[in-house]
Amino acid sequence: MANGILIVDKPAGWTSQDVAAKLRGVFHERRVGHGGTLDPMATGVLPVFVGRATRAAEFCESAEKEYEAVLRLGLVTDTQDTTGTVLEERPAAVTRAEVEALLPRFTGELQQIPPMYSAVKIGGQKLYRLARRGCEIERPARGITVFALELLSCSGSDYTLRVRCSKGTYIRTLCHDMGAALGCGGCMAGLRRTQAGRFPLAMAHPLAEILACAEPESLLLPVDALFSQYPPLTVTADQAARIKNGAPLRGLPFSGGLCRVYDDAGEFLILGRAEDGVLTAVKGFYET
């Protein structure tokens, strides 16, 4: 039975759920999920969790992400990207220096209003379903963090940006808001995720390569790869049995914080947290 993490280079035109559904057939495994949605037009790093590894997906969803995005100035659409209906077109008489001068304003802790074409729920309804019916409702702003924002290049009215940001950041909305701040409007014309948590683009496999692979299980990373930044801790067979029964452990040679816990055979058991000399499970990954 397949268990592990597959780093996919998602192609344009596929939803993240499309990829997960396709890989359920590849691995003959019902438990397949992804670690952070990418819009259909976007490409790049999509971590996919297979089998018991699906228990770890939440940790990747909440991790920092990095993107290369194309901001197109002078164009405003209802979806805030070039797949939508054009609402306004204006001359974009903006210089590179003006765009660079704007970047600090959109770096740091920000308040961002989610786009109508999004899966955010308000009053139990997903916004994109309301948007498809021609409805627009008030959306409360949400706190996000843009850790780094850099202008990489420009060509005509297209400006390529590198964005490193927190969970919940809509790059489409960032482009829309930057265009509004420049007075000419803007939208997103391209998006490629270059890193998700600890997984860079260099680790990603194109979907076509995965589908053509005779042994796709060989492409899976072990689930503990997601937690490689935390120190390892090996426990005895008796201590491993106690962990599997949900009991905390005391008197371990670990000062505190998060750690990867293994049994004496090398099986990854839990992501654990030590506090005041007591080790408890944050999440278990052993076979039940």
Protein backbone atom coordinates (compact mmCIF):
# COMPACT_ATOMS: atom_id res chain seq x y z
CA MET A 1 0.00 0.00 0.00
CA ALA A 2 1.43 3.38 -1.05
CA ASN A 3 2.24 5.92 1.66
CA GLY A 4 4.23 9.11 1.22
CA ILE A 5 4.46 12.57 -0.29
CA LEU A 6 4.67 13.26 -4.01
CA ILE A 7 5.84 16.69 -5.12
CA VAL A 8 3.99 17.44 -8.36
CA ASP A 9 4.77 20.19 -10.85
CA LYS A 10 1.12 20.95 -11.60
CA PRO A 11 0.36 21.79 -15.23
CA ALA A 12 -1.89 24.68 -16.24
CA GLY A 13 -5.53 23.82 -16.78
CA TRP A 14 -5.74 21.28 -13.95
CA THR A 15 -7.33 21.97 -10.59
CA SER A 16 -5.53 20.67 -7.51
CA GLN A 17 -8.42 18.27 -7.00
CA ASP A 18 -8.04 17.04 -10.61
CA VAL A 19 -4.45 16.09 -9.81
CA ALA A 20 -5.43 14.32 -6.59
CA ALA A 21 -8.20 12.41 -8.37
CA LYS A 22 -5.84 11.29 -11.13
CA LEU A 23 -3.28 10.08 -8.60
CA ARG A 24 -5.89 8.04 -6.73
CA GLY A 25 -6.03 5.89 -9.84
CA VAL A 26 -2.25 5.82 -10.26
CA PHE A 27 -1.63 4.58 -6.70
CA HIS A 28 -4.90 2.63 -6.33
CA GLU A 29 -5.39 4.48 -3.07
CA ARG A 30 -8.50 6.35 -1.96
CA ARG A 31 -6.61 8.48 0.60
CA VAL A 32 -4.99 11.14 -1.57
CA GLY A 33 -5.00 14.85 -0.74
CA HIS A 34 -2.96 17.96 -1.51
CA GLY A 35 -1.17 20.51 0.62
CA GLY A 36 -2.46 23.84 -0.67
CA THR A 37 -4.75 24.70 -3.58
CA LEU A 38 -3.41 26.14 -6.82
CA ASP A 39 -5.73 27.92 -9.28
CA PRO A 40 -6.24 26.04 -12.57
CA MET A 41 -4.16 28.60 -14.51
CA ALA A 42 -1.27 28.26 -12.06
CA THR A 43 1.62 25.81 -12.36
CA GLY A 44 4.31 24.60 -10.02
CA VAL A 45 4.78 22.93 -6.66
CA LEU A 46 1.79 20.93 -5.45
CA PRO A 47 2.61 18.51 -2.61
CA VAL A 48 0.30 15.50 -2.79
CA PHE A 49 -0.16 13.21 0.22
CA VAL A 50 -0.85 9.52 -0.30
CA GLY A 51 -2.14 6.92 2.18
CA ARG A 52 -1.26 7.51 5.84
CA ALA A 53 0.70 10.59 4.77
CA THR A 54 -2.62 12.45 4.30
CA ARG A 55 -2.49 13.02 8.06
CA ALA A 56 0.35 15.48 7.40
CA ALA A 57 -1.36 17.57 4.71
CA GLU A 58 -2.54 20.19 7.20
CA PHE A 59 1.07 21.04 8.11
CA CYS A 60 1.91 21.80 4.48
CA GLU A 61 -1.27 23.83 3.92
CA SER A 62 -0.25 26.19 6.73
CA ALA A 63 3.37 26.56 5.58
CA GLU A 64 4.89 29.54 3.78
CA LYS A 65 4.68 29.54 -0.02
CA GLU A 66 6.79 31.21 -2.71
CA TYR A 67 5.60 32.23 -6.17
CA GLU A 68 6.64 33.90 -9.39
CA ALA A 69 3.69 35.96 -10.54
CA VAL A 70 3.07 38.16 -13.55
CA LEU A 71 1.31 41.43 -12.77
CA ARG A 72 -0.36 42.87 -15.86
CA LEU A 73 -1.06 46.58 -15.48
CA GLY A 74 -3.90 48.40 -17.19
CA LEU A 75 -6.31 45.45 -17.07
CA VAL A 76 -9.03 44.77 -14.47
CA THR A 77 -11.13 41.57 -14.54
CA ASP A 78 -13.86 40.06 -12.38
CA THR A 79 -11.63 37.13 -11.35
CA GLN A 80 -8.55 39.35 -10.80
CA ASP A 81 -6.66 37.29 -13.38
CA THR A 82 -6.63 37.02 -17.17
CA THR A 83 -9.12 34.12 -17.22
CA GLY A 84 -11.97 36.43 -16.23
CA THR A 85 -14.24 38.94 -17.92
CA VAL A 86 -12.56 42.26 -18.61
CA LEU A 87 -14.11 45.07 -16.57
CA GLU A 88 -11.71 47.90 -17.40
CA GLU A 89 -8.78 48.63 -19.67
CA ARG A 90 -6.65 51.70 -19.08
CA PRO A 91 -3.29 52.99 -20.28
CA ALA A 92 -0.51 51.77 -18.01
CA ALA A 93 1.90 54.70 -18.07
CA VAL A 94 3.90 53.29 -15.16
CA THR A 95 7.67 53.03 -14.87
CA ARG A 96 9.72 50.22 -13.37
CA ALA A 97 10.88 52.61 -10.67
CA GLU A 98 7.26 53.34 -9.68
CA VAL A 99 6.51 49.63 -9.35
CA GLU A 100 9.66 49.07 -7.27
CA ALA A 101 8.77 52.02 -5.03
CA LEU A 102 5.38 50.39 -4.35
CA LEU A 103 6.77 47.04 -3.16
CA PRO A 104 7.41 48.02 0.50
CA ARG A 105 3.76 49.06 0.82
CA PHE A 106 2.72 45.48 0.00
CA THR A 107 5.32 43.77 2.19
CA GLY A 108 4.79 42.73 5.79
CA GLU A 109 1.54 42.20 7.66
CA LEU A 110 -1.39 43.20 5.45
CA GLN A 111 -5.17 43.09 5.40
CA GLN A 112 -6.50 41.45 2.24
CA ILE A 113 -10.11 41.12 1.06
CA PRO A 114 -10.62 37.66 -0.53
CA PRO A 115 -11.78 37.74 -4.16
CA MET A 116 -15.35 36.80 -5.01
CA TYR A 117 -14.00 34.02 -7.21
CA SER A 118 -12.60 32.00 -4.31
CA ALA A 119 -13.57 29.03 -2.15
CA VAL A 120 -13.90 31.19 0.98
CA LYS A 121 -17.22 30.56 2.71
CA ILE A 122 -19.43 33.35 4.03
CA GLY A 123 -22.75 32.44 5.57
CA GLY A 124 -22.13 28.81 4.60
CA GLN A 125 -21.82 29.63 0.90
CA LYS A 126 -18.67 29.53 -1.21
CA LEU A 127 -17.97 32.92 -2.75
CA TYR A 128 -17.29 31.61 -6.25
CA ARG A 129 -20.79 30.09 -6.40
CA LEU A 130 -22.30 33.47 -5.57
CA ALA A 131 -20.00 35.17 -8.10
CA ARG A 132 -21.14 32.80 -10.87
CA ARG A 133 -24.71 33.91 -10.16
CA GLY A 134 -23.67 37.53 -10.57
CA CYS A 135 -23.74 38.29 -6.84
CA GLU A 136 -21.14 40.29 -4.98
CA ILE A 137 -21.23 40.53 -1.20
CA GLU A 138 -19.14 42.22 1.46
CA ARG A 139 -16.14 40.19 2.54
CA PRO A 140 -14.21 40.88 5.72
CA ALA A 141 -10.50 41.51 5.25
CA ARG A 142 -8.17 38.81 6.52
CA GLY A 143 -4.68 39.14 7.92
CA ILE A 144 -1.87 37.82 5.72
CA THR A 145 1.89 38.30 5.66
CA VAL A 146 4.05 38.97 2.62
CA PHE A 147 7.55 38.09 3.83
CA ALA A 148 9.33 39.11 0.61
CA LEU A 149 8.24 40.91 -2.56
CA GLU A 150 10.73 41.47 -5.36
CA LEU A 151 10.49 42.71 -8.94
CA LEU A 152 12.34 40.24 -11.16
CA SER A 153 11.71 41.66 -14.63
CA CYS A 154 9.35 43.70 -16.77
CA SER A 155 8.19 43.61 -20.36
CA GLY A 156 5.71 46.19 -21.57
CA SER A 157 2.86 46.25 -19.06
CA ASP A 158 3.83 42.87 -17.54
CA TYR A 159 5.88 42.82 -14.34
CA THR A 160 7.21 39.54 -12.96
CA LEU A 161 7.30 39.40 -9.18
CA ARG A 162 8.72 36.98 -6.64
CA VAL A 163 6.40 36.65 -3.65
CA ARG A 164 7.02 34.75 -0.42
CA CYS A 165 3.91 34.77 1.72
CA SER A 166 1.78 33.16 4.40
CA LYS A 167 -1.10 30.75 4.08
CA GLY A 168 -4.27 32.37 2.78
CA THR A 169 -2.59 34.95 0.54
CA TYR A 170 -4.33 35.46 -2.80
CA ILE A 171 -1.70 36.45 -5.35
CA ARG A 172 -4.49 37.48 -7.74
CA THR A 173 -5.72 39.95 -5.15
CA LEU A 174 -2.20 41.19 -4.49
CA CYS A 175 -1.87 41.98 -8.22
CA HIS A 176 -5.30 43.63 -8.31
CA ASP A 177 -4.51 45.78 -5.27
CA MET A 178 -1.10 46.80 -6.61
CA GLY A 179 -2.70 47.86 -9.89
CA ALA A 180 -5.28 49.91 -8.02
CA ALA A 181 -2.53 51.58 -5.96
CA LEU A 182 -0.71 52.53 -9.18
CA GLY A 183 -3.91 54.11 -10.53
CA CYS A 184 -4.12 52.04 -13.72
CA GLY A 185 -5.59 48.78 -12.47
CA GLY A 186 -4.00 45.38 -12.70
CA CYS A 187 -4.56 41.65 -12.65
CA MET A 188 -2.56 38.43 -12.54
CA ALA A 189 -1.39 37.15 -15.94
CA GLY A 190 0.62 34.15 -14.77
CA LEU A 191 1.49 32.24 -11.61
CA ARG A 192 4.06 29.58 -10.80
CA ARG A 193 4.54 28.25 -7.29
CA THR A 194 8.25 27.76 -6.74
CA GLN A 195 8.17 26.50 -3.15
CA ALA A 196 5.64 25.07 -0.69
CA GLY A 197 6.97 24.73 2.83
CA ARG A 198 10.20 22.73 2.63
CA PHE A 199 9.59 21.57 -0.96
CA PRO A 200 11.21 23.62 -3.78
CA LEU A 201 10.42 23.38 -7.48
CA ALA A 202 13.63 21.39 -8.02
CA MET A 203 12.00 18.47 -6.15
CA ALA A 204 8.80 18.50 -8.23
CA HIS A 205 7.93 15.92 -10.90
CA PRO A 206 5.90 16.99 -13.94
CA LEU A 207 2.53 15.22 -13.97
CA ALA A 208 3.29 13.66 -17.36
CA GLU A 209 6.45 12.09 -15.90
CA ILE A 210 4.48 10.64 -13.00
CA LEU A 211 1.80 9.18 -15.26
CA ALA A 212 4.46 7.58 -17.47
CA CYS A 213 6.44 6.13 -14.54
CA ALA A 214 6.35 2.31 -14.31
CA GLU A 215 6.88 2.47 -10.53
CA PRO A 216 5.31 5.71 -9.27
CA GLU A 217 5.82 4.57 -5.65
CA SER A 218 9.54 5.20 -6.22
CA LEU A 219 8.79 8.93 -6.52
CA LEU A 220 7.21 9.15 -3.06
CA LEU A 221 9.04 10.88 -0.23
CA PRO A 222 8.60 9.52 3.30
CA VAL A 223 6.16 11.53 5.38
CA ASP A 224 8.87 12.57 7.85
CA ALA A 225 10.53 14.57 5.03
CA LEU A 226 7.95 17.24 5.82
CA PHE A 227 9.41 17.59 9.33
CA SER A 228 13.12 17.34 8.56
CA GLN A 229 13.80 20.67 10.30
CA TYR A 230 13.00 19.08 13.66
CA PRO A 231 15.48 16.86 15.56
CA PRO A 232 14.96 13.06 15.64
CA LEU A 233 14.33 11.11 18.82
CA THR A 234 14.41 7.30 19.07
CA VAL A 235 12.38 5.50 21.74
CA THR A 236 12.40 1.94 23.02
CA ALA A 237 9.85 -0.70 22.07
CA ASP A 238 8.06 -0.21 25.40
CA GLN A 239 7.98 3.57 24.95
CA ALA A 240 6.73 3.15 21.37
CA ALA A 241 3.87 0.97 22.65
CA ARG A 242 2.95 3.67 25.17
CA ILE A 243 2.97 6.31 22.41
CA LYS A 244 0.63 4.16 20.30
CA ASN A 245 -1.71 3.92 23.27
CA GLY A 246 -1.78 7.72 23.51
CA ALA A 247 0.24 7.98 26.70
CA PRO A 248 2.76 10.80 27.28
CA LEU A 249 6.40 9.96 27.96
CA ARG A 250 8.58 11.40 30.72
CA GLY A 251 12.30 11.49 31.38
CA LEU A 252 13.47 11.54 27.75
CA PRO A 253 16.81 13.16 26.75
CA PHE A 254 15.15 15.99 24.86
CA SER A 255 15.15 19.58 26.05
CA GLY A 256 11.89 20.72 24.49
CA GLY A 257 10.02 21.77 21.37
CA LEU A 258 8.97 19.72 18.35
CA CYS A 259 10.74 16.51 17.33
CA ARG A 260 10.43 13.49 15.05
CA VAL A 261 9.92 10.34 17.10
CA TYR A 262 10.99 6.90 15.80
CA ASP A 263 10.89 3.40 17.24
CA ASP A 264 14.05 1.32 17.54
CA ALA A 265 13.38 -0.19 14.10
CA GLY A 266 13.42 3.25 12.47
CA GLU A 267 9.65 3.59 11.90
CA PHE A 268 8.41 7.18 12.10
CA LEU A 269 5.80 7.23 14.84
CA ILE A 270 4.78 10.79 15.63
CA LEU A 271 5.55 14.43 15.39
CA GLY A 272 5.98 15.09 19.09
CA ARG A 273 6.25 18.08 21.40
CA ALA A 274 8.27 18.08 24.60
CA GLU A 275 7.30 20.55 27.29
CA ASP A 276 8.28 20.57 30.99
CA GLY A 277 9.92 17.17 30.55
CA VAL A 278 6.81 15.53 29.05
CA LEU A 279 6.59 14.32 25.44
CA THR A 280 3.15 14.25 23.83
CA ALA A 281 2.01 13.52 20.28
CA VAL A 282 1.12 16.38 17.95
CA LYS A 283 0.20 13.94 15.17
CA GLY A 284 0.63 10.20 14.79
CA PHE A 285 1.79 8.49 11.60
CA TYR A 286 2.15 4.87 12.67
CA GLU A 287 0.00 2.11 11.24
CA THR A 288 -3.03 1.38 13.40
